[in-house]
Amino acid sequence: MRTTVTPGVKSLVRALRLLEALREAPEGFSLSAVRTRTNLPKATIHRLLGTLIQEGFVEQANGVYRVGVKAFVVGNAFLAHLDLRSRALPYLFDLRNRSGETVQMAVLENLQVVYVERVLSQSPVAYMKSRVGAVLPAYCTGLGKALLAFAPSDLVQRYLHSVPLEPVTPHTITDRDRFLEEVAGIRRLGYAVDRGEREESVRCIAAPIFNHERAAVAAVSVAGPTERMPWPLEGSAQADLVVQAARQISAALGCPPQAGSP
């Protein structure tokens, strides 16, 4: 069965081919050189290059086209995630070993939680649905709440205006005012807890990870079944372990220590 490619997808594929071709020459290519390397019609190249230039993915100077700064920004985001994972991994394993439970790390992308690393508990973990690469709502996960709480101040309001707080379990916070109170409490406490808000049988403790500019770029969590996790979660030894790991990863990313931090 032959797959039908829509015009929009076809244009996207061609635009990506153009960027791949320009990547081969940092100094840039002439229009004829781009045409030779992509084998695309001249009119199509003109149209796609015009759009890519407008969006900042391609630059033009003296009849030469080269990769633009926007492509660098997008690619650098990927490299930042790689650097984050490589620097964090030893601390994630240490946290798993000390807590005995599954450790996860996530970032906030397009107002959703994206899981970028996971170190499984040596005890059964079949109860947990999250996986590396999974994209989940932020409002009902410990990682998401930790990231929202320490994000720029206007982000939570923007989040609440664009994402409905739908019940996932009986414990999910669905009232906006209560969610704002939860976020304020997370800021005071320094970490977030998930009381079975995404999966009723799972509890979680999550703390933010900061970079050299003290911006929250990720969060780390310990998650386990309700019968193995402490109650209350707040003030527990597990919470102390998560906060300590988050501080260690933050320091590895160049975050200066805060006054009073151990």
C-alpha atoms as a PDB file:
ATOM      1  CA  MET A   1       0.000   0.000   0.000  1.00  0.00           C
ATOM      2  CA  ARG A   2       1.455   3.339  -1.032  1.00  0.00           C
ATOM      3  CA  THR A   3       1.636   6.077   1.602  1.00  0.00           C
ATOM      4  CA  THR A   4       0.163   9.434   0.563  1.00  0.00           C
ATOM      5  CA  VAL A   5       2.338  12.421   1.471  1.00  0.00           C
ATOM      6  CA  THR A   6       0.467  15.681   2.015  1.00  0.00           C
ATOM      7  CA  PRO A   7       1.795  18.859   0.363  1.00  0.00           C
ATOM      8  CA  GLY A   8       2.667  20.341   3.766  1.00  0.00           C
ATOM      9  CA  VAL A   9       4.720  17.310   4.781  1.00  0.00           C
ATOM     10  CA  LYS A  10       6.408  17.235   1.380  1.00  0.00           C
ATOM     11  CA  SER A  11       7.438  20.879   1.759  1.00  0.00           C
ATOM     12  CA  LEU A  12       8.774  20.192   5.247  1.00  0.00           C
ATOM     13  CA  VAL A  13      10.862  17.282   3.996  1.00  0.00           C
ATOM     14  CA  ARG A  14      12.276  19.454   1.222  1.00  0.00           C
ATOM     15  CA  ALA A  15      13.077  22.265   3.662  1.00  0.00           C
ATOM     16  CA  LEU A  16      14.945  19.821   5.878  1.00  0.00           C
ATOM     17  CA  ARG A  17      16.873  18.591   2.842  1.00  0.00           C
ATOM     18  CA  LEU A  18      17.893  22.186   2.179  1.00  0.00           C
ATOM     19  CA  LEU A  19      19.180  22.606   5.717  1.00  0.00           C
ATOM     20  CA  GLU A  20      21.086  19.328   5.454  1.00  0.00           C
ATOM     21  CA  ALA A  21      22.721  20.540   2.259  1.00  0.00           C
ATOM     22  CA  LEU A  22      23.694  23.896   3.767  1.00  0.00           C
ATOM     23  CA  ARG A  23      25.163  22.130   6.791  1.00  0.00           C
ATOM     24  CA  GLU A  24      27.875  20.692   4.535  1.00  0.00           C
ATOM     25  CA  ALA A  25      29.365  24.142   3.925  1.00  0.00           C
ATOM     26  CA  PRO A  26      29.596  26.491   6.933  1.00  0.00           C
ATOM     27  CA  GLU A  27      30.724  29.276   4.587  1.00  0.00           C
ATOM     28  CA  GLY A  28      27.558  28.796   2.539  1.00  0.00           C
ATOM     29  CA  PHE A  29      26.455  27.712  -0.934  1.00  0.00           C
ATOM     30  CA  SER A  30      25.318  29.586  -3.972  1.00  0.00           C
ATOM     31  CA  LEU A  31      21.809  28.987  -5.270  1.00  0.00           C
ATOM     32  CA  SER A  32      23.123  26.794  -8.072  1.00  0.00           C
ATOM     33  CA  ALA A  33      25.155  24.728  -5.594  1.00  0.00           C
ATOM     34  CA  VAL A  34      22.076  24.230  -3.409  1.00  0.00           C
ATOM     35  CA  ARG A  35      20.127  23.115  -6.458  1.00  0.00           C
ATOM     36  CA  THR A  36      22.854  20.652  -7.440  1.00  0.00           C
ATOM     37  CA  ARG A  37      22.960  19.097  -3.992  1.00  0.00           C
ATOM     38  CA  THR A  38      19.213  18.856  -3.441  1.00  0.00           C
ATOM     39  CA  ASN A  39      18.031  18.228  -7.008  1.00  0.00           C
ATOM     40  CA  LEU A  40      14.983  20.390  -6.292  1.00  0.00           C
ATOM     41  CA  PRO A  41      13.294  22.722  -8.799  1.00  0.00           C
ATOM     42  CA  LYS A  42      14.646  26.269  -8.774  1.00  0.00           C
ATOM     43  CA  ALA A  43      11.241  27.764  -7.940  1.00  0.00           C
ATOM     44  CA  THR A  44      10.825  25.388  -5.004  1.00  0.00           C
ATOM     45  CA  ILE A  45      14.285  26.269  -3.659  1.00  0.00           C
ATOM     46  CA  HIS A  46      13.492  29.999  -3.910  1.00  0.00           C
ATOM     47  CA  ARG A  47      10.212  29.547  -2.029  1.00  0.00           C
ATOM     48  CA  LEU A  48      11.632  27.352   0.718  1.00  0.00           C
ATOM     49  CA  LEU A  49      14.739  29.472   1.201  1.00  0.00           C
ATOM     50  CA  GLY A  50      12.544  32.545   1.497  1.00  0.00           C
ATOM     51  CA  THR A  51      10.552  30.935   4.304  1.00  0.00           C
ATOM     52  CA  LEU A  52      13.671  29.616   6.060  1.00  0.00           C
ATOM     53  CA  ILE A  53      15.304  33.057   5.866  1.00  0.00           C
ATOM     54  CA  GLN A  54      12.166  34.690   7.233  1.00  0.00           C
ATOM     55  CA  GLU A  55      12.139  32.291  10.197  1.00  0.00           C
ATOM     56  CA  GLY A  56      15.875  32.669  10.860  1.00  0.00           C
ATOM     57  CA  PHE A  57      16.924  29.135   9.931  1.00  0.00           C
ATOM     58  CA  VAL A  58      18.895  30.344   6.882  1.00  0.00           C
ATOM     59  CA  GLU A  59      20.930  33.504   6.262  1.00  0.00           C
ATOM     60  CA  GLN A  60      21.735  35.122   2.927  1.00  0.00           C
ATOM     61  CA  ALA A  61      24.687  37.392   2.179  1.00  0.00           C
ATOM     62  CA  ASN A  62      26.366  38.285  -1.133  1.00  0.00           C
ATOM     63  CA  GLY A  63      24.439  35.632  -3.049  1.00  0.00           C
ATOM     64  CA  VAL A  64      25.447  32.888  -0.607  1.00  0.00           C
ATOM     65  CA  TYR A  65      23.116  30.922   1.632  1.00  0.00           C
ATOM     66  CA  ARG A  66      24.184  29.394   4.953  1.00  0.00           C
ATOM     67  CA  VAL A  67      22.644  27.934   8.081  1.00  0.00           C
ATOM     68  CA  GLY A  68      21.115  30.641  10.266  1.00  0.00           C
ATOM     69  CA  VAL A  69      21.219  31.298  13.973  1.00  0.00           C
ATOM     70  CA  LYS A  70      17.775  29.778  14.598  1.00  0.00           C
ATOM     71  CA  ALA A  71      19.071  26.381  13.476  1.00  0.00           C
ATOM     72  CA  PHE A  72      21.909  26.762  15.960  1.00  0.00           C
ATOM     73  CA  VAL A  73      19.465  27.587  18.764  1.00  0.00           C
ATOM     74  CA  VAL A  74      17.359  24.491  18.026  1.00  0.00           C
ATOM     75  CA  GLY A  75      20.389  22.231  17.757  1.00  0.00           C
ATOM     76  CA  ASN A  76      21.898  23.690  20.901  1.00  0.00           C
ATOM     77  CA  ALA A  77      18.766  22.731  22.843  1.00  0.00           C
ATOM     78  CA  PHE A  78      19.436  19.105  21.936  1.00  0.00           C
ATOM     79  CA  LEU A  79      23.075  19.404  22.956  1.00  0.00           C
ATOM     80  CA  ALA A  80      22.009  20.924  26.265  1.00  0.00           C
ATOM     81  CA  HIS A  81      19.873  17.878  26.970  1.00  0.00           C
ATOM     82  CA  LEU A  82      22.781  15.586  26.153  1.00  0.00           C
ATOM     83  CA  ASP A  83      25.042  17.535  28.490  1.00  0.00           C
ATOM     84  CA  LEU A  84      22.382  17.492  31.189  1.00  0.00           C
ATOM     85  CA  ARG A  85      21.968  13.728  30.950  1.00  0.00           C
ATOM     86  CA  SER A  86      25.691  12.960  30.954  1.00  0.00           C
ATOM     87  CA  ARG A  87      26.360  15.203  33.939  1.00  0.00           C
ATOM     88  CA  ALA A  88      23.322  14.015  35.874  1.00  0.00           C
ATOM     89  CA  LEU A  89      23.575  10.265  35.334  1.00  0.00           C
ATOM     90  CA  PRO A  90      26.063   9.431  38.144  1.00  0.00           C
ATOM     91  CA  TYR A  91      23.879  11.287  40.645  1.00  0.00           C
ATOM     92  CA  LEU A  92      20.736   9.582  39.334  1.00  0.00           C
ATOM     93  CA  PHE A  93      22.261   6.147  39.926  1.00  0.00           C
ATOM     94  CA  ASP A  94      23.448   7.207  43.373  1.00  0.00           C
ATOM     95  CA  LEU A  95      19.952   8.469  44.218  1.00  0.00           C
ATOM     96  CA  ARG A  96      18.418   5.206  42.992  1.00  0.00           C
ATOM     97  CA  ASN A  97      20.822   3.194  45.138  1.00  0.00           C
ATOM     98  CA  ARG A  98      20.235   5.289  48.242  1.00  0.00           C
ATOM     99  CA  SER A  99      16.457   5.598  47.882  1.00  0.00           C
ATOM    100  CA  GLY A 100      15.788   2.095  46.579  1.00  0.00           C
ATOM    101  CA  GLU A 101      13.196   3.471  44.176  1.00  0.00           C
ATOM    102  CA  THR A 102      13.007   4.536  40.541  1.00  0.00           C
ATOM    103  CA  VAL A 103      14.664   7.853  39.705  1.00  0.00           C
ATOM    104  CA  GLN A 104      13.514  10.011  36.812  1.00  0.00           C
ATOM    105  CA  MET A 105      14.602  13.265  35.223  1.00  0.00           C
ATOM    106  CA  ALA A 106      12.483  15.487  33.008  1.00  0.00           C
ATOM    107  CA  VAL A 107      12.433  18.862  31.281  1.00  0.00           C
ATOM    108  CA  LEU A 108       9.585  21.213  30.443  1.00  0.00           C
ATOM    109  CA  GLU A 109       8.915  21.556  26.710  1.00  0.00           C
ATOM    110  CA  ASN A 110       5.882  23.350  25.279  1.00  0.00           C
ATOM    111  CA  LEU A 111       4.256  23.344  28.732  1.00  0.00           C
ATOM    112  CA  GLN A 112       4.534  19.556  28.981  1.00  0.00           C
ATOM    113  CA  VAL A 113       6.868  17.246  30.867  1.00  0.00           C
ATOM    114  CA  VAL A 114       9.321  15.298  28.708  1.00  0.00           C
ATOM    115  CA  TYR A 115      11.127  12.448  30.450  1.00  0.00           C
ATOM    116  CA  VAL A 116      14.795  12.468  29.416  1.00  0.00           C
ATOM    117  CA  GLU A 117      16.301   9.878  31.774  1.00  0.00           C
ATOM    118  CA  ARG A 118      15.164   7.047  34.027  1.00  0.00           C
ATOM    119  CA  VAL A 119      17.049   4.723  36.390  1.00  0.00           C
ATOM    120  CA  LEU A 120      14.870   1.822  37.416  1.00  0.00           C
ATOM    121  CA  SER A 121      14.474   0.565  40.940  1.00  0.00           C
ATOM    122  CA  GLN A 122      15.804  -2.909  41.581  1.00  0.00           C
ATOM    123  CA  SER A 123      12.366  -3.684  43.013  1.00  0.00           C
ATOM    124  CA  PRO A 124       9.312  -4.227  40.756  1.00  0.00           C
ATOM    125  CA  VAL A 125       8.312  -1.126  38.758  1.00  0.00           C
ATOM    126  CA  ALA A 126       5.599  -2.469  36.473  1.00  0.00           C
ATOM    127  CA  TYR A 127       3.154  -0.106  38.135  1.00  0.00           C
ATOM    128  CA  MET A 128       4.730   2.984  36.547  1.00  0.00           C
ATOM    129  CA  LYS A 129       3.641   4.162  33.108  1.00  0.00           C
ATOM    130  CA  SER A 130       6.265   6.832  32.422  1.00  0.00           C
ATOM    131  CA  ARG A 131       9.160   6.030  30.069  1.00  0.00           C
ATOM    132  CA  VAL A 132      12.121   7.938  28.636  1.00  0.00           C
ATOM    133  CA  GLY A 133      10.701  10.067  25.841  1.00  0.00           C
ATOM    134  CA  ALA A 134       7.227  10.088  27.372  1.00  0.00           C
ATOM    135  CA  VAL A 135       5.355  13.388  27.274  1.00  0.00           C
ATOM    136  CA  LEU A 136       2.936  13.951  30.157  1.00  0.00           C
ATOM    137  CA  PRO A 137       0.893  16.843  31.542  1.00  0.00           C
ATOM    138  CA  ALA A 138       2.807  18.958  34.041  1.00  0.00           C
ATOM    139  CA  TYR A 139      -0.006  19.707  36.491  1.00  0.00           C
ATOM    140  CA  CYS A 140      -0.457  16.124  37.704  1.00  0.00           C
ATOM    141  CA  THR A 141       3.184  15.023  38.011  1.00  0.00           C
ATOM    142  CA  GLY A 142       5.736  15.813  40.687  1.00  0.00           C
ATOM    143  CA  LEU A 143       8.356  16.637  38.066  1.00  0.00           C
ATOM    144  CA  GLY A 144       5.983  18.948  36.221  1.00  0.00           C
ATOM    145  CA  LYS A 145       4.890  20.777  39.350  1.00  0.00           C
ATOM    146  CA  ALA A 146       8.508  21.274  40.426  1.00  0.00           C
ATOM    147  CA  LEU A 147       9.364  22.719  37.015  1.00  0.00           C
ATOM    148  CA  LEU A 148       6.333  25.007  36.905  1.00  0.00           C
ATOM    149  CA  ALA A 149       6.918  26.251  40.445  1.00  0.00           C
ATOM    150  CA  PHE A 150      10.459  27.392  39.657  1.00  0.00           C
ATOM    151  CA  ALA A 151       9.790  28.605  36.112  1.00  0.00           C
ATOM    152  CA  PRO A 152       9.441  32.345  35.280  1.00  0.00           C
ATOM    153  CA  SER A 153       6.566  33.853  37.238  1.00  0.00           C
ATOM    154  CA  ASP A 154       4.268  34.424  34.265  1.00  0.00           C
ATOM    155  CA  LEU A 155       4.539  30.824  33.039  1.00  0.00           C
ATOM    156  CA  VAL A 156       2.145  29.323  35.582  1.00  0.00           C
ATOM    157  CA  GLN A 157      -0.566  31.821  34.683  1.00  0.00           C
ATOM    158  CA  ARG A 158      -0.021  31.153  30.990  1.00  0.00           C
ATOM    159  CA  TYR A 159      -0.116  27.440  31.719  1.00  0.00           C
ATOM    160  CA  LEU A 160      -3.417  27.661  33.599  1.00  0.00           C
ATOM    161  CA  HIS A 161      -4.979  29.635  30.757  1.00  0.00           C
ATOM    162  CA  SER A 162      -3.955  27.117  28.116  1.00  0.00           C
ATOM    163  CA  VAL A 163      -4.151  23.704  29.816  1.00  0.00           C
ATOM    164  CA  PRO A 164      -7.352  22.327  31.389  1.00  0.00           C
ATOM    165  CA  LEU A 165      -6.811  20.701  34.785  1.00  0.00           C
ATOM    166  CA  GLU A 166      -8.674  17.497  34.074  1.00  0.00           C
ATOM    167  CA  PRO A 167      -8.976  14.759  36.725  1.00  0.00           C
ATOM    168  CA  VAL A 168      -6.689  11.802  36.077  1.00  0.00           C
ATOM    169  CA  THR A 169      -7.148  10.163  39.477  1.00  0.00           C
ATOM    170  CA  PRO A 170      -9.271  11.107  42.501  1.00  0.00           C
ATOM    171  CA  HIS A 171      -6.172  12.903  43.863  1.00  0.00           C
ATOM    172  CA  THR A 172      -5.533  15.158  40.851  1.00  0.00           C
ATOM    173  CA  ILE A 173      -5.643  18.882  41.600  1.00  0.00           C
ATOM    174  CA  THR A 174      -8.242  20.335  39.235  1.00  0.00           C
ATOM    175  CA  ASP A 175      -9.035  23.680  40.905  1.00  0.00           C
ATOM    176  CA  ARG A 176      -6.918  26.580  39.663  1.00  0.00           C
ATOM    177  CA  ASP A 177      -6.767  28.427  42.983  1.00  0.00           C
ATOM    178  CA  ARG A 178      -5.750  25.259  44.783  1.00  0.00           C
ATOM    179  CA  PHE A 179      -3.100  24.614  42.118  1.00  0.00           C
ATOM    180  CA  LEU A 180      -1.680  28.110  42.644  1.00  0.00           C
ATOM    181  CA  GLU A 181      -1.530  27.402  46.377  1.00  0.00           C
ATOM    182  CA  GLU A 182       0.269  24.144  45.598  1.00  0.00           C
ATOM    183  CA  VAL A 183       2.831  25.963  43.458  1.00  0.00           C
ATOM    184  CA  ALA A 184       3.418  28.565  46.166  1.00  0.00           C
ATOM    185  CA  GLY A 185       3.953  25.775  48.699  1.00  0.00           C
ATOM    186  CA  ILE A 186       6.447  24.063  46.404  1.00  0.00           C
ATOM    187  CA  ARG A 187       8.466  27.268  46.157  1.00  0.00           C
ATOM    188  CA  ARG A 188       8.585  27.556  49.939  1.00  0.00           C
ATOM    189  CA  LEU A 189       9.403  23.878  50.476  1.00  0.00           C
ATOM    190  CA  GLY A 190      11.934  23.590  47.665  1.00  0.00           C
ATOM    191  CA  TYR A 191      10.439  20.436  46.163  1.00  0.00           C
ATOM    192  CA  ALA A 192       7.149  19.005  44.910  1.00  0.00           C
ATOM    193  CA  VAL A 193       5.208  15.900  45.823  1.00  0.00           C
ATOM    194  CA  ASP A 194       2.794  13.789  43.800  1.00  0.00           C
ATOM    195  CA  ARG A 195       0.235  12.104  46.027  1.00  0.00           C
ATOM    196  CA  GLY A 196      -1.069   9.707  43.407  1.00  0.00           C
ATOM    197  CA  GLU A 197      -2.214  12.514  41.118  1.00  0.00           C
ATOM    198  CA  ARG A 198      -1.135  10.860  37.868  1.00  0.00           C
ATOM    199  CA  GLU A 199      -1.210   7.202  38.899  1.00  0.00           C
ATOM    200  CA  GLU A 200      -3.222   6.487  42.007  1.00  0.00           C
ATOM    201  CA  SER A 201      -0.872   3.757  43.224  1.00  0.00           C
ATOM    202  CA  VAL A 202       2.311   5.843  42.766  1.00  0.00           C
ATOM    203  CA  ARG A 203       3.781   8.576  44.936  1.00  0.00           C
ATOM    204  CA  CYS A 204       6.626  10.842  43.927  1.00  0.00           C
ATOM    205  CA  ILE A 205       8.982  13.507  45.276  1.00  0.00           C
ATOM    206  CA  ALA A 206      10.630  15.883  42.766  1.00  0.00           C
ATOM    207  CA  ALA A 207      13.101  18.762  43.047  1.00  0.00           C
ATOM    208  CA  PRO A 208      14.248  21.320  40.470  1.00  0.00           C
ATOM    209  CA  ILE A 209      17.669  21.345  38.824  1.00  0.00           C
ATOM    210  CA  PHE A 210      19.227  24.758  38.124  1.00  0.00           C
ATOM    211  CA  ASN A 211      21.893  25.769  35.617  1.00  0.00           C
ATOM    212  CA  HIS A 212      24.687  28.330  35.925  1.00  0.00           C
ATOM    213  CA  GLU A 213      22.153  31.156  35.561  1.00  0.00           C
ATOM    214  CA  ARG A 214      19.991  29.727  38.373  1.00  0.00           C
ATOM    215  CA  ALA A 215      17.283  28.860  35.836  1.00  0.00           C
ATOM    216  CA  ALA A 216      15.303  25.668  36.407  1.00  0.00           C
ATOM    217  CA  VAL A 217      16.232  23.522  33.413  1.00  0.00           C
ATOM    218  CA  ALA A 218      15.073  20.120  34.647  1.00  0.00           C
ATOM    219  CA  ALA A 219      13.772  18.235  37.659  1.00  0.00           C
ATOM    220  CA  VAL A 220      14.697  14.948  39.313  1.00  0.00           C
ATOM    221  CA  SER A 221      12.359  12.651  41.182  1.00  0.00           C
ATOM    222  CA  VAL A 222      12.076   9.484  43.223  1.00  0.00           C
ATOM    223  CA  ALA A 223       8.879   7.553  42.580  1.00  0.00           C
ATOM    224  CA  GLY A 224       7.505   4.347  43.993  1.00  0.00           C
ATOM    225  CA  PRO A 225       4.332   2.507  44.942  1.00  0.00           C
ATOM    226  CA  THR A 226       2.315   3.950  47.815  1.00  0.00           C
ATOM    227  CA  GLU A 227       3.176   1.055  50.115  1.00  0.00           C
ATOM    228  CA  ARG A 228       6.941   1.632  49.679  1.00  0.00           C
ATOM    229  CA  MET A 229       7.012   5.435  49.743  1.00  0.00           C
ATOM    230  CA  PRO A 230       6.988   7.358  53.035  1.00  0.00           C
ATOM    231  CA  TRP A 231       3.898   9.120  54.320  1.00  0.00           C
ATOM    232  CA  PRO A 232       3.742  11.993  54.582  1.00  0.00           C
ATOM    233  CA  LEU A 233       6.088  12.649  51.704  1.00  0.00           C
ATOM    234  CA  GLU A 234       6.956  16.112  52.976  1.00  0.00           C
ATOM    235  CA  GLY A 235       9.837  16.178  55.436  1.00  0.00           C
ATOM    236  CA  SER A 236      10.768  12.554  54.776  1.00  0.00           C
ATOM    237  CA  ALA A 237      14.249  11.113  54.402  1.00  0.00           C
ATOM    238  CA  GLN A 238      13.404  10.389  50.761  1.00  0.00           C
ATOM    239  CA  ALA A 239      12.669  14.086  50.211  1.00  0.00           C
ATOM    240  CA  ASP A 240      16.061  14.990  51.666  1.00  0.00           C
ATOM    241  CA  LEU A 241      17.755  12.570  49.250  1.00  0.00           C
ATOM    242  CA  VAL A 242      15.962  14.060  46.241  1.00  0.00           C
ATOM    243  CA  VAL A 243      16.832  17.639  47.199  1.00  0.00           C
ATOM    244  CA  GLN A 244      20.454  16.643  47.786  1.00  0.00           C
ATOM    245  CA  ALA A 245      20.673  14.979  44.348  1.00  0.00           C
ATOM    246  CA  ALA A 246      19.087  18.010  42.694  1.00  0.00           C
ATOM    247  CA  ARG A 247      21.662  20.275  44.322  1.00  0.00           C
ATOM    248  CA  GLN A 248      24.508  18.019  43.236  1.00  0.00           C
ATOM    249  CA  ILE A 249      23.314  17.997  39.619  1.00  0.00           C
ATOM    250  CA  SER A 250      22.774  21.759  39.739  1.00  0.00           C
ATOM    251  CA  ALA A 251      26.346  22.218  40.969  1.00  0.00           C
ATOM    252  CA  ALA A 252      27.589  20.000  38.134  1.00  0.00           C
ATOM    253  CA  LEU A 253      25.806  22.350  35.723  1.00  0.00           C
ATOM    254  CA  GLY A 254      27.554  25.345  37.253  1.00  0.00           C
ATOM    255  CA  CYS A 255      24.831  26.630  39.576  1.00  0.00           C
ATOM    256  CA  PRO A 256      26.389  28.657  42.405  1.00  0.00           C
ATOM    257  CA  PRO A 257      25.494  27.333  45.882  1.00  0.00           C
ATOM    258  CA  GLN A 258      22.797  29.262  47.709  1.00  0.00           C
ATOM    259  CA  ALA A 259      23.495  30.799  51.080  1.00  0.00           C
ATOM    260  CA  GLY A 260      22.805  28.280  53.808  1.00  0.00           C
ATOM    261  CA  SER A 261      22.979  25.280  51.484  1.00  0.00           C
ATOM    262  CA  PRO A 262      25.050  22.337  52.737  1.00  0.00           C
END
